[in-house]
Amino acid sequence: MNSEVQVSSDPARLDIALIHEFLSNSYWAKGRSVSVVERSIRNSLCFGAYSKGSQVGFARLITDRAVFAYLADVFVIPTFRGQGISKIMLEYLLMHRDIQGLRLIRLSTEDAHGLYEQYGFTRMTGSDNSMELFADEDDLSDG
C-alpha cells in the first residue's frame, strides 16, 4: 500500500475541478455538470485521497448518518491506480465516526466487485452490479 497517501473528509480540501473532470467523463456520470457535482458534494459525506498534497482519489457517501448509506462516485485517477489507494480510502471511510452503527451500506459497480468483497460487501440477489454491506448485530447501537 502507498504510505504517502492521506485520506480526509474535509470538504475544503476537495479539488472540485478534478472531481468534475473525472466524473463527467466516467461511464456512470457522463456529462454531469459542475453545479450538480458541487451540490452532490455539499449534500454528502465525501472523502479525498491525497498524494503529496494533490488529490488522487474520491469517494462520496450519501447517508442519513444513522441507518443507511449509499457509496457513489468512487475513483482513483488513472496514473495512481494499482497502488492500493482505493483500499486506503475504503478503510478510512468504513471507520469514519459519522457512519459507525449504520445498518446498511449499498453501492453499484460494473467492475470492482472484488475490491468491495474484501470489505464484506456481497452481491445483491438478482443484480449483477448492486452490492451491500450489513452491520453485525453486535456493532449496532443507539449511540
Foldseek 3Di string as FASTA:
>chain_A
DDPQKDKDQPPVLDDLVVLCVVQCVDPVRPNPDSVNSVVQSVQWRKMFIDGPSDTFWIWTWRDPLAAEIEIDSTDGPPVPPPVCRSVVRVVCVVPDPSNFQYFKYKYFDDPCPVVVVVVPWDADPPDPTMIMHGDDPVRHDND
